[in-house]
Amino acid sequence: MIEEQYQEAYDKAPEETKRAIEKYEQMPKSFRDKKPLLYYVLGSGTPPYKMSKQASAYVDKASGKQNCGNCIFAFQSLVTKNVICSQIRGNVKVAGWCRLWER
C-alpha cells in the first residue's frame, strides 16, 4: 500500500517504476526492512528509463574533483556498499564520473 504522502508521485511514475514498487511491496517484510524502496527501485534490473553507461560517457575513474561519490544521482547501499545511479544503468564506482554529474 502506497503511503498517502507518496501517492501523487506514484500516480505520475512511469509504468516500469510502478511495477517495481508493486513487486517491492510483495517482498517479505524482512527483505523490505533491509533494502529501502528507493534503492530497490533505482537498482532493480536495468530500468528502460535509465541511460546506458556508454551514452552517459561513464568512466570508472574521474579525472577531476567531480565523481559519483559527490553526485546527487548516486546512492550507496550501507549494507553491500554497491553504488547505483538514478540516471544510468548498472552499478557505478564512487570514483567514477559521467557527463550527467551534478551536485
PDB file of N, CA and C in Angstrom:
ATOM      1  N   MET A   1       0.839  -1.179   0.000  1.00  0.00           N
ATOM      2  CA  MET A   1       0.000   0.000   0.000  1.00  0.00           C
ATOM      3  C   MET A   1       0.892   1.253   0.000  1.00  0.00           C
ATOM      4  N   ILE A   2       0.685   2.119  -0.964  1.00  0.00           N
ATOM      5  CA  ILE A   2       1.450   3.358  -1.082  1.00  0.00           C
ATOM      6  C   ILE A   2       1.010   4.316   0.024  1.00  0.00           C
ATOM      7  N   GLU A   3       2.012   4.876   0.714  1.00  0.00           N
ATOM      8  CA  GLU A   3       1.688   5.851   1.756  1.00  0.00           C
ATOM      9  C   GLU A   3       1.073   7.082   1.102  1.00  0.00           C
ATOM     10  N   GLU A   4       0.153   7.702   1.791  1.00  0.00           N
ATOM     11  CA  GLU A   4      -0.590   8.841   1.254  1.00  0.00           C
ATOM     12  C   GLU A   4       0.336   9.940   0.735  1.00  0.00           C
ATOM     13  N   GLN A   5       1.418  10.214   1.441  1.00  0.00           N
ATOM     14  CA  GLN A   5       2.320  11.294   1.052  1.00  0.00           C
ATOM     15  C   GLN A   5       3.036  11.003  -0.273  1.00  0.00           C
ATOM     16  N   TYR A   6       3.072   9.723  -0.694  1.00  0.00           N
ATOM     17  CA  TYR A   6       3.755   9.359  -1.938  1.00  0.00           C
ATOM     18  C   TYR A   6       2.785   9.022  -3.071  1.00  0.00           C
ATOM     19  N   GLN A   7       1.496   9.088  -2.815  1.00  0.00           N
ATOM     20  CA  GLN A   7       0.507   8.672  -3.803  1.00  0.00           C
ATOM     21  C   GLN A   7       0.611   9.465  -5.104  1.00  0.00           C
ATOM     22  N   GLU A   8       0.780  10.773  -5.040  1.00  0.00           N
ATOM     23  CA  GLU A   8       0.854  11.591  -6.248  1.00  0.00           C
ATOM     24  C   GLU A   8       2.085  11.220  -7.085  1.00  0.00           C
ATOM     25  N   ALA A   9       3.212  11.005  -6.403  1.00  0.00           N
ATOM     26  CA  ALA A   9       4.431  10.609  -7.128  1.00  0.00           C
ATOM     27  C   ALA A   9       4.226   9.257  -7.793  1.00  0.00           C
ATOM     28  N   TYR A  10       3.586   8.335  -7.093  1.00  0.00           N
ATOM     29  CA  TYR A  10       3.298   7.015  -7.662  1.00  0.00           C
ATOM     30  C   TYR A  10       2.390   7.152  -8.878  1.00  0.00           C
ATOM     31  N   ASP A  11       1.349   7.943  -8.765  1.00  0.00           N
ATOM     32  CA  ASP A  11       0.398   8.109  -9.863  1.00  0.00           C
ATOM     33  C   ASP A  11       1.061   8.660 -11.118  1.00  0.00           C
ATOM     34  N   LYS A  12       2.067   9.492 -10.967  1.00  0.00           N
ATOM     35  CA  LYS A  12       2.748  10.118 -12.105  1.00  0.00           C
ATOM     36  C   LYS A  12       3.970   9.331 -12.580  1.00  0.00           C
ATOM     37  N   ALA A  13       4.314   8.262 -11.879  1.00  0.00           N
ATOM     38  CA  ALA A  13       5.522   7.488 -12.203  1.00  0.00           C
ATOM     39  C   ALA A  13       5.340   6.701 -13.497  1.00  0.00           C
ATOM     40  N   PRO A  14       6.453   6.411 -14.209  1.00  0.00           N
ATOM     41  CA  PRO A  14       6.379   5.544 -15.392  1.00  0.00           C
ATOM     42  C   PRO A  14       5.882   4.156 -14.983  1.00  0.00           C
ATOM     43  N   GLU A  15       5.280   3.448 -15.916  1.00  0.00           N
ATOM     44  CA  GLU A  15       4.740   2.117 -15.632  1.00  0.00           C
ATOM     45  C   GLU A  15       5.796   1.164 -15.080  1.00  0.00           C
ATOM     46  N   GLU A  16       7.039   1.250 -15.588  1.00  0.00           N
ATOM     47  CA  GLU A  16       8.111   0.374 -15.106  1.00  0.00           C
ATOM     48  C   GLU A  16       8.368   0.600 -13.624  1.00  0.00           C
ATOM     49  N   THR A  17       8.309   1.859 -13.212  1.00  0.00           N
ATOM     50  CA  THR A  17       8.523   2.210 -11.807  1.00  0.00           C
ATOM     51  C   THR A  17       7.373   1.692 -10.951  1.00  0.00           C
ATOM     52  N   LYS A  18       6.156   1.848 -11.432  1.00  0.00           N
ATOM     53  CA  LYS A  18       5.002   1.349 -10.692  1.00  0.00           C
ATOM     54  C   LYS A  18       5.102  -0.165 -10.492  1.00  0.00           C
ATOM     55  N   ARG A  19       5.504  -0.886 -11.540  1.00  0.00           N
ATOM     56  CA  ARG A  19       5.637  -2.338 -11.427  1.00  0.00           C
ATOM     57  C   ARG A  19       6.710  -2.704 -10.407  1.00  0.00           C
ATOM     58  N   ALA A  20       7.822  -1.962 -10.403  1.00  0.00           N
ATOM     59  CA  ALA A  20       8.896  -2.236  -9.435  1.00  0.00           C
ATOM     60  C   ALA A  20       8.407  -1.993  -8.006  1.00  0.00           C
ATOM     61  N   ILE A  21       7.650  -0.933  -7.811  1.00  0.00           N
ATOM     62  CA  ILE A  21       7.114  -0.624  -6.481  1.00  0.00           C
ATOM     63  C   ILE A  21       6.139  -1.714  -6.039  1.00  0.00           C
ATOM     64  N   GLU A  22       5.279  -2.139  -6.937  1.00  0.00           N
ATOM     65  CA  GLU A  22       4.313  -3.187  -6.602  1.00  0.00           C
ATOM     66  C   GLU A  22       5.024  -4.496  -6.263  1.00  0.00           C
ATOM     67  N   LYS A  23       6.082  -4.815  -7.003  1.00  0.00           N
ATOM     68  CA  LYS A  23       6.856  -6.025  -6.722  1.00  0.00           C
ATOM     69  C   LYS A  23       7.535  -5.913  -5.352  1.00  0.00           C
ATOM     70  N   TYR A  24       8.089  -4.741  -5.061  1.00  0.00           N
ATOM     71  CA  TYR A  24       8.739  -4.491  -3.771  1.00  0.00           C
ATOM     72  C   TYR A  24       7.758  -4.707  -2.623  1.00  0.00           C
ATOM     73  N   GLU A  25       6.549  -4.191  -2.768  1.00  0.00           N
ATOM     74  CA  GLU A  25       5.550  -4.299  -1.700  1.00  0.00           C
ATOM     75  C   GLU A  25       5.148  -5.745  -1.424  1.00  0.00           C
ATOM     76  N   GLN A  26       5.370  -6.629  -2.391  1.00  0.00           N
ATOM     77  CA  GLN A  26       5.036  -8.041  -2.210  1.00  0.00           C
ATOM     78  C   GLN A  26       6.200  -8.846  -1.628  1.00  0.00           C
ATOM     79  N   MET A  27       7.360  -8.224  -1.520  1.00  0.00           N
ATOM     80  CA  MET A  27       8.524  -8.896  -0.957  1.00  0.00           C
ATOM     81  C   MET A  27       8.304  -9.082   0.552  1.00  0.00           C
ATOM     82  N   PRO A  28       8.959 -10.090   1.144  1.00  0.00           N
ATOM     83  CA  PRO A  28       8.816 -10.288   2.591  1.00  0.00           C
ATOM     84  C   PRO A  28       9.275  -9.062   3.381  1.00  0.00           C
ATOM     85  N   LYS A  29       8.651  -8.840   4.498  1.00  0.00           N
ATOM     86  CA  LYS A  29       8.992  -7.686   5.349  1.00  0.00           C
ATOM     87  C   LYS A  29      10.470  -7.699   5.724  1.00  0.00           C
ATOM     88  N   SER A  30      11.031  -8.880   5.939  1.00  0.00           N
ATOM     89  CA  SER A  30      12.453  -8.967   6.303  1.00  0.00           C
ATOM     90  C   SER A  30      13.340  -8.401   5.186  1.00  0.00           C
ATOM     91  N   PHE A  31      12.945  -8.600   3.929  1.00  0.00           N
ATOM     92  CA  PHE A  31      13.676  -8.032   2.790  1.00  0.00           C
ATOM     93  C   PHE A  31      13.512  -6.518   2.757  1.00  0.00           C
ATOM     94  N   ARG A  32      12.261  -6.064   2.910  1.00  0.00           N
ATOM     95  CA  ARG A  32      11.980  -4.628   2.854  1.00  0.00           C
ATOM     96  C   ARG A  32      12.645  -3.865   3.997  1.00  0.00           C
ATOM     97  N   ASP A  33      12.807  -4.520   5.143  1.00  0.00           N
ATOM     98  CA  ASP A  33      13.480  -3.880   6.274  1.00  0.00           C
ATOM     99  C   ASP A  33      14.957  -3.645   5.990  1.00  0.00           C
ATOM    100  N   LYS A  34      15.543  -4.459   5.128  1.00  0.00           N
ATOM    101  CA  LYS A  34      16.975  -4.353   4.822  1.00  0.00           C
ATOM    102  C   LYS A  34      17.264  -3.508   3.585  1.00  0.00           C
ATOM    103  N   LYS A  35      16.284  -3.357   2.712  1.00  0.00           N
ATOM    104  CA  LYS A  35      16.514  -2.642   1.452  1.00  0.00           C
ATOM    105  C   LYS A  35      15.435  -1.568   1.273  1.00  0.00           C
ATOM    106  N   PRO A  36      15.803  -0.304   1.383  1.00  0.00           N
ATOM    107  CA  PRO A  36      14.831   0.774   1.220  1.00  0.00           C
ATOM    108  C   PRO A  36      14.204   0.770  -0.178  1.00  0.00           C
ATOM    109  N   LEU A  37      12.983   1.224  -0.279  1.00  0.00           N
ATOM    110  CA  LEU A  37      12.260   1.265  -1.548  1.00  0.00           C
ATOM    111  C   LEU A  37      13.048   2.016  -2.616  1.00  0.00           C
ATOM    112  N   LEU A  38      13.593   3.163  -2.283  1.00  0.00           N
ATOM    113  CA  LEU A  38      14.332   3.956  -3.268  1.00  0.00           C
ATOM    114  C   LEU A  38      15.473   3.149  -3.866  1.00  0.00           C
ATOM    115  N   TYR A  39      16.259   2.494  -3.032  1.00  0.00           N
ATOM    116  CA  TYR A  39      17.386   1.713  -3.520  1.00  0.00           C
ATOM    117  C   TYR A  39      16.887   0.550  -4.383  1.00  0.00           C
ATOM    118  N   TYR A  40      15.797  -0.070  -3.985  1.00  0.00           N
ATOM    119  CA  TYR A  40      15.240  -1.179  -4.750  1.00  0.00           C
ATOM    120  C   TYR A  40      14.791  -0.708  -6.135  1.00  0.00           C
ATOM    121  N   VAL A  41      14.044   0.392  -6.177  1.00  0.00           N
ATOM    122  CA  VAL A  41      13.516   0.884  -7.449  1.00  0.00           C
ATOM    123  C   VAL A  41      14.645   1.339  -8.371  1.00  0.00           C
ATOM    124  N   LEU A  42      15.607   2.067  -7.827  1.00  0.00           N
ATOM    125  CA  LEU A  42      16.702   2.558  -8.668  1.00  0.00           C
ATOM    126  C   LEU A  42      17.628   1.447  -9.127  1.00  0.00           C
ATOM    127  N   GLY A  43      17.730   0.400  -8.350  1.00  0.00           N
ATOM    128  CA  GLY A  43      18.659  -0.662  -8.694  1.00  0.00           C
ATOM    129  C   GLY A  43      18.011  -1.921  -9.211  1.00  0.00           C
ATOM    130  N   SER A  44      16.705  -1.919  -9.427  1.00  0.00           N
ATOM    131  CA  SER A  44      16.039  -3.148  -9.847  1.00  0.00           C
ATOM    132  C   SER A  44      16.242  -3.392 -11.333  1.00  0.00           C
ATOM    133  N   GLY A  45      17.088  -4.371 -11.629  1.00  0.00           N
ATOM    134  CA  GLY A  45      17.334  -4.744 -13.017  1.00  0.00           C
ATOM    135  C   GLY A  45      17.946  -3.619 -13.810  1.00  0.00           C
ATOM    136  N   THR A  46      17.520  -3.481 -15.032  1.00  0.00           N
ATOM    137  CA  THR A  46      18.001  -2.417 -15.903  1.00  0.00           C
ATOM    138  C   THR A  46      16.788  -1.633 -16.383  1.00  0.00           C
ATOM    139  N   PRO A  47      16.300  -0.718 -15.564  1.00  0.00           N
ATOM    140  CA  PRO A  47      15.105   0.019 -15.953  1.00  0.00           C
ATOM    141  C   PRO A  47      15.296   0.731 -17.292  1.00  0.00           C
ATOM    142  N   PRO A  48      14.314   0.635 -18.176  1.00  0.00           N
ATOM    143  CA  PRO A  48      14.447   1.223 -19.514  1.00  0.00           C
ATOM    144  C   PRO A  48      14.548   2.743 -19.523  1.00  0.00           C
ATOM    145  N   TYR A  49      14.162   3.376 -18.420  1.00  0.00           N
ATOM    146  CA  TYR A  49      14.226   4.834 -18.383  1.00  0.00           C
ATOM    147  C   TYR A  49      15.613   5.349 -18.017  1.00  0.00           C
ATOM    148  N   LYS A  50      16.536   4.456 -17.697  1.00  0.00           N
ATOM    149  CA  LYS A  50      17.900   4.878 -17.376  1.00  0.00           C
ATOM    150  C   LYS A  50      18.765   4.883 -18.624  1.00  0.00           C
ATOM    151  N   MET A  51      19.740   5.767 -18.651  1.00  0.00           N
ATOM    152  CA  MET A  51      20.664   5.903 -19.767  1.00  0.00           C
ATOM    153  C   MET A  51      21.758   4.836 -19.669  1.00  0.00           C
ATOM    154  N   SER A  52      22.299   4.435 -20.798  1.00  0.00           N
ATOM    155  CA  SER A  52      23.407   3.475 -20.785  1.00  0.00           C
ATOM    156  C   SER A  52      24.683   4.172 -20.327  1.00  0.00           C
ATOM    157  N   LYS A  53      25.640   3.397 -19.848  1.00  0.00           N
ATOM    158  CA  LYS A  53      26.926   3.963 -19.436  1.00  0.00           C
ATOM    159  C   LYS A  53      27.624   4.599 -20.630  1.00  0.00           C
ATOM    160  N   GLN A  54      27.521   3.953 -21.768  1.00  0.00           N
ATOM    161  CA  GLN A  54      28.169   4.482 -22.975  1.00  0.00           C
ATOM    162  C   GLN A  54      27.583   5.845 -23.362  1.00  0.00           C
ATOM    163  N   ALA A  55      26.262   5.946 -23.370  1.00  0.00           N
ATOM    164  CA  ALA A  55      25.613   7.213 -23.737  1.00  0.00           C
ATOM    165  C   ALA A  55      25.914   8.324 -22.742  1.00  0.00           C
ATOM    166  N   SER A  56      26.169   7.954 -21.487  1.00  0.00           N
ATOM    167  CA  SER A  56      26.448   8.969 -20.461  1.00  0.00           C
ATOM    168  C   SER A  56      27.936   9.307 -20.370  1.00  0.00           C
ATOM    169  N   ALA A  57      28.760   8.634 -21.174  1.00  0.00           N
ATOM    170  CA  ALA A  57      30.223   8.818 -21.163  1.00  0.00           C
ATOM    171  C   ALA A  57      30.817   8.438 -19.802  1.00  0.00           C
ATOM    172  N   TYR A  58      30.246   7.419 -19.158  1.00  0.00           N
ATOM    173  CA  TYR A  58      30.717   6.980 -17.843  1.00  0.00           C
ATOM    174  C   TYR A  58      32.127   6.396 -17.924  1.00  0.00           C
ATOM    175  N   VAL A  59      32.942   6.744 -16.922  1.00  0.00           N
ATOM    176  CA  VAL A  59      34.269   6.145 -16.746  1.00  0.00           C
ATOM    177  C   VAL A  59      34.403   5.743 -15.276  1.00  0.00           C
ATOM    178  N   ASP A  60      35.182   4.691 -15.003  1.00  0.00           N
ATOM    179  CA  ASP A  60      35.351   4.201 -13.630  1.00  0.00           C
ATOM    180  C   ASP A  60      36.190   5.121 -12.758  1.00  0.00           C
ATOM    181  N   LYS A  61      36.992   5.986 -13.377  1.00  0.00           N
ATOM    182  CA  LYS A  61      37.902   6.856 -12.613  1.00  0.00           C
ATOM    183  C   LYS A  61      37.781   8.279 -13.141  1.00  0.00           C
ATOM    184  N   ALA A  62      37.308   9.180 -12.288  1.00  0.00           N
ATOM    185  CA  ALA A  62      37.171  10.591 -12.653  1.00  0.00           C
ATOM    186  C   ALA A  62      38.539  11.245 -12.748  1.00  0.00           C
ATOM    187  N   SER A  63      38.645  12.224 -13.629  1.00  0.00           N
ATOM    188  CA  SER A  63      39.923  12.920 -13.765  1.00  0.00           C
ATOM    189  C   SER A  63      39.976  14.202 -12.940  1.00  0.00           C
ATOM    190  N   GLY A  64      38.865  14.645 -12.422  1.00  0.00           N
ATOM    191  CA  GLY A  64      38.829  15.866 -11.622  1.00  0.00           C
ATOM    192  C   GLY A  64      38.163  15.626 -10.284  1.00  0.00           C
ATOM    193  N   LYS A  65      37.654  16.695  -9.696  1.00  0.00           N
ATOM    194  CA  LYS A  65      37.011  16.599  -8.378  1.00  0.00           C
ATOM    195  C   LYS A  65      35.569  16.107  -8.466  1.00  0.00           C
ATOM    196  N   GLN A  66      34.982  16.142  -9.651  1.00  0.00           N
ATOM    197  CA  GLN A  66      33.629  15.632  -9.826  1.00  0.00           C
ATOM    198  C   GLN A  66      33.696  14.113  -9.914  1.00  0.00           C
ATOM    199  N   ASN A  67      32.900  13.421  -9.103  1.00  0.00           N
ATOM    200  CA  ASN A  67      32.850  11.962  -9.174  1.00  0.00           C
ATOM    201  C   ASN A  67      31.499  11.487  -8.644  1.00  0.00           C
ATOM    202  N   CYS A  68      31.221  10.215  -8.848  1.00  0.00           N
ATOM    203  CA  CYS A  68      29.940   9.662  -8.408  1.00  0.00           C
ATOM    204  C   CYS A  68      29.751   9.809  -6.901  1.00  0.00           C
ATOM    205  N   GLY A  69      30.836   9.808  -6.167  1.00  0.00           N
ATOM    206  CA  GLY A  69      30.767   9.929  -4.721  1.00  0.00           C
ATOM    207  C   GLY A  69      30.212  11.263  -4.240  1.00  0.00           C
ATOM    208  N   ASN A  70      30.280  12.302  -5.088  1.00  0.00           N
ATOM    209  CA  ASN A  70      29.725  13.593  -4.685  1.00  0.00           C
ATOM    210  C   ASN A  70      28.660  14.086  -5.670  1.00  0.00           C
ATOM    211  N   CYS A  71      28.036  13.158  -6.360  1.00  0.00           N
ATOM    212  CA  CYS A  71      26.971  13.476  -7.318  1.00  0.00           C
ATOM    213  C   CYS A  71      25.609  13.230  -6.679  1.00  0.00           C
ATOM    214  N   ILE A  72      24.638  14.086  -6.978  1.00  0.00           N
ATOM    215  CA  ILE A  72      23.306  13.951  -6.392  1.00  0.00           C
ATOM    216  C   ILE A  72      22.556  12.724  -6.895  1.00  0.00           C
ATOM    217  N   PHE A  73      22.992  12.134  -7.995  1.00  0.00           N
ATOM    218  CA  PHE A  73      22.284  10.992  -8.565  1.00  0.00           C
ATOM    219  C   PHE A  73      22.769   9.643  -8.038  1.00  0.00           C
ATOM    220  N   ALA A  74      23.860   9.611  -7.302  1.00  0.00           N
ATOM    221  CA  ALA A  74      24.437   8.347  -6.832  1.00  0.00           C
ATOM    222  C   ALA A  74      23.964   8.009  -5.419  1.00  0.00           C
ATOM    223  N   PHE A  75      23.710   6.728  -5.209  1.00  0.00           N
ATOM    224  CA  PHE A  75      23.251   6.228  -3.910  1.00  0.00           C
ATOM    225  C   PHE A  75      24.057   4.980  -3.570  1.00  0.00           C
ATOM    226  N   GLN A  76      24.607   4.945  -2.364  1.00  0.00           N
ATOM    227  CA  GLN A  76      25.403   3.790  -1.947  1.00  0.00           C
ATOM    228  C   GLN A  76      24.663   3.013  -0.868  1.00  0.00           C
ATOM    229  N   SER A  77      24.597   1.699  -1.056  1.00  0.00           N
ATOM    230  CA  SER A  77      23.979   0.828  -0.062  1.00  0.00           C
ATOM    231  C   SER A  77      24.900   0.724   1.139  1.00  0.00           C
ATOM    232  N   LEU A  78      24.364   0.946   2.316  1.00  0.00           N
ATOM    233  CA  LEU A  78      25.165   0.821   3.528  1.00  0.00           C
ATOM    234  C   LEU A  78      25.504  -0.635   3.811  1.00  0.00           C
ATOM    235  N   VAL A  79      24.690  -1.547   3.304  1.00  0.00           N
ATOM    236  CA  VAL A  79      24.900  -2.971   3.545  1.00  0.00           C
ATOM    237  C   VAL A  79      25.914  -3.557   2.569  1.00  0.00           C
ATOM    238  N   THR A  80      25.650  -3.384   1.265  1.00  0.00           N
ATOM    239  CA  THR A  80      26.503  -4.012   0.244  1.00  0.00           C
ATOM    240  C   THR A  80      27.649  -3.121  -0.212  1.00  0.00           C
ATOM    241  N   LYS A  81      27.536  -1.830   0.027  1.00  0.00           N
ATOM    242  CA  LYS A  81      28.487  -0.817  -0.430  1.00  0.00           C
ATOM    243  C   LYS A  81      28.428  -0.590  -1.944  1.00  0.00           C
ATOM    244  N   ASN A  82      27.497  -1.276  -2.645  1.00  0.00           N
ATOM    245  CA  ASN A  82      27.319  -1.038  -4.071  1.00  0.00           C
ATOM    246  C   ASN A  82      26.778   0.367  -4.276  1.00  0.00           C
ATOM    247  N   VAL A  83      27.183   0.990  -5.373  1.00  0.00           N
ATOM    248  CA  VAL A  83      26.721   2.331  -5.703  1.00  0.00           C
ATOM    249  C   VAL A  83      25.871   2.225  -6.965  1.00  0.00           C
ATOM    250  N   ILE A  84      24.675   2.804  -6.909  1.00  0.00           N
ATOM    251  CA  ILE A  84      23.813   2.855  -8.079  1.00  0.00           C
ATOM    252  C   ILE A  84      23.531   4.317  -8.401  1.00  0.00           C
ATOM    253  N   CYS A  85      23.152   4.539  -9.637  1.00  0.00           N
ATOM    254  CA  CYS A  85      22.847   5.884 -10.106  1.00  0.00           C
ATOM    255  C   CYS A  85      21.386   5.927 -10.533  1.00  0.00           C
ATOM    256  N   SER A  86      20.717   6.999 -10.227  1.00  0.00           N
ATOM    257  CA  SER A  86      19.318   7.127 -10.620  1.00  0.00           C
ATOM    258  C   SER A  86      19.183   7.446 -12.104  1.00  0.00           C
ATOM    259  N   GLN A  87      20.306   7.747 -12.767  1.00  0.00           N
ATOM    260  CA  GLN A  87      20.252   8.166 -14.157  1.00  0.00           C
ATOM    261  C   GLN A  87      20.815   7.151 -15.156  1.00  0.00           C
ATOM    262  N   ILE A  88      21.796   6.341 -14.733  1.00  0.00           N
ATOM    263  CA  ILE A  88      22.389   5.384 -15.664  1.00  0.00           C
ATOM    264  C   ILE A  88      22.260   3.960 -15.144  1.00  0.00           C
ATOM    265  N   ARG A  89      22.301   3.010 -16.045  1.00  0.00           N
ATOM    266  CA  ARG A  89      22.103   1.587 -15.722  1.00  0.00           C
ATOM    267  C   ARG A  89      23.318   0.969 -15.061  1.00  0.00           C
ATOM    268  N   GLY A  90      23.051   0.012 -14.177  1.00  0.00           N
ATOM    269  CA  GLY A  90      24.113  -0.773 -13.555  1.00  0.00           C
ATOM    270  C   GLY A  90      24.773  -0.066 -12.387  1.00  0.00           C
ATOM    271  N   ASN A  91      25.673  -0.803 -11.737  1.00  0.00           N
ATOM    272  CA  ASN A  91      26.430  -0.217 -10.628  1.00  0.00           C
ATOM    273  C   ASN A  91      27.475   0.733 -11.172  1.00  0.00           C
ATOM    274  N   VAL A  92      27.826   1.712 -10.362  1.00  0.00           N
ATOM    275  CA  VAL A  92      28.900   2.650 -10.698  1.00  0.00           C
ATOM    276  C   VAL A  92      29.902   2.629  -9.553  1.00  0.00           C
ATOM    277  N   LYS A  93      31.023   3.243  -9.764  1.00  0.00           N
ATOM    278  CA  LYS A  93      32.051   3.312  -8.724  1.00  0.00           C
ATOM    279  C   LYS A  93      32.035   4.705  -8.092  1.00  0.00           C
ATOM    280  N   VAL A  94      32.353   4.779  -6.816  1.00  0.00           N
ATOM    281  CA  VAL A  94      32.412   6.063  -6.115  1.00  0.00           C
ATOM    282  C   VAL A  94      33.346   7.016  -6.849  1.00  0.00           C
ATOM    283  N   ALA A  95      34.453   6.495  -7.364  1.00  0.00           N
ATOM    284  CA  ALA A  95      35.446   7.320  -8.064  1.00  0.00           C
ATOM    285  C   ALA A  95      35.081   7.570  -9.524  1.00  0.00           C
ATOM    286  N   GLY A  96      33.963   6.983  -9.989  1.00  0.00           N
ATOM    287  CA  GLY A  96      33.556   7.136 -11.384  1.00  0.00           C
ATOM    288  C   GLY A  96      33.032   8.531 -11.693  1.00  0.00           C
ATOM    289  N   TRP A  97      32.712   8.733 -12.978  1.00  0.00           N
ATOM    290  CA  TRP A  97      32.183  10.021 -13.434  1.00  0.00           C
ATOM    291  C   TRP A  97      31.434   9.799 -14.734  1.00  0.00           C
ATOM    292  N   CYS A  98      30.416  10.640 -14.981  1.00  0.00           N
ATOM    293  CA  CYS A  98      29.758  10.678 -16.296  1.00  0.00           C
ATOM    294  C   CYS A  98      29.328  12.116 -16.570  1.00  0.00           C
ATOM    295  N   ARG A  99      28.915  12.349 -17.794  1.00  0.00           N
ATOM    296  CA  ARG A  99      28.548  13.710 -18.207  1.00  0.00           C
ATOM    297  C   ARG A  99      27.294  14.239 -17.518  1.00  0.00           C
ATOM    298  N   LEU A 100      26.585  13.392 -16.816  1.00  0.00           N
ATOM    299  CA  LEU A 100      25.360  13.817 -16.109  1.00  0.00           C
ATOM    300  C   LEU A 100      25.654  14.310 -14.698  1.00  0.00           C
ATOM    301  N   TRP A 101      26.915  14.284 -14.306  1.00  0.00           N
ATOM    302  CA  TRP A 101      27.296  14.664 -12.931  1.00  0.00           C
ATOM    303  C   TRP A 101      26.646  15.983 -12.559  1.00  0.00           C
ATOM    304  N   GLU A 102      26.112  16.011 -11.332  1.00  0.00           N
ATOM    305  CA  GLU A 102      25.501  17.230 -10.799  1.00  0.00           C
ATOM    306  C   GLU A 102      25.636  17.224  -9.286  1.00  0.00           C
ATOM    307  N   ARG A 103      25.857  18.362  -8.714  1.00  0.00           N
ATOM    308  CA  ARG A 103      25.986  18.493  -7.270  1.00  0.00           C
ATOM    309  C   ARG A 103      24.726  19.032  -6.677  1.00  0.00           C
TER     310      ARG A 103
END
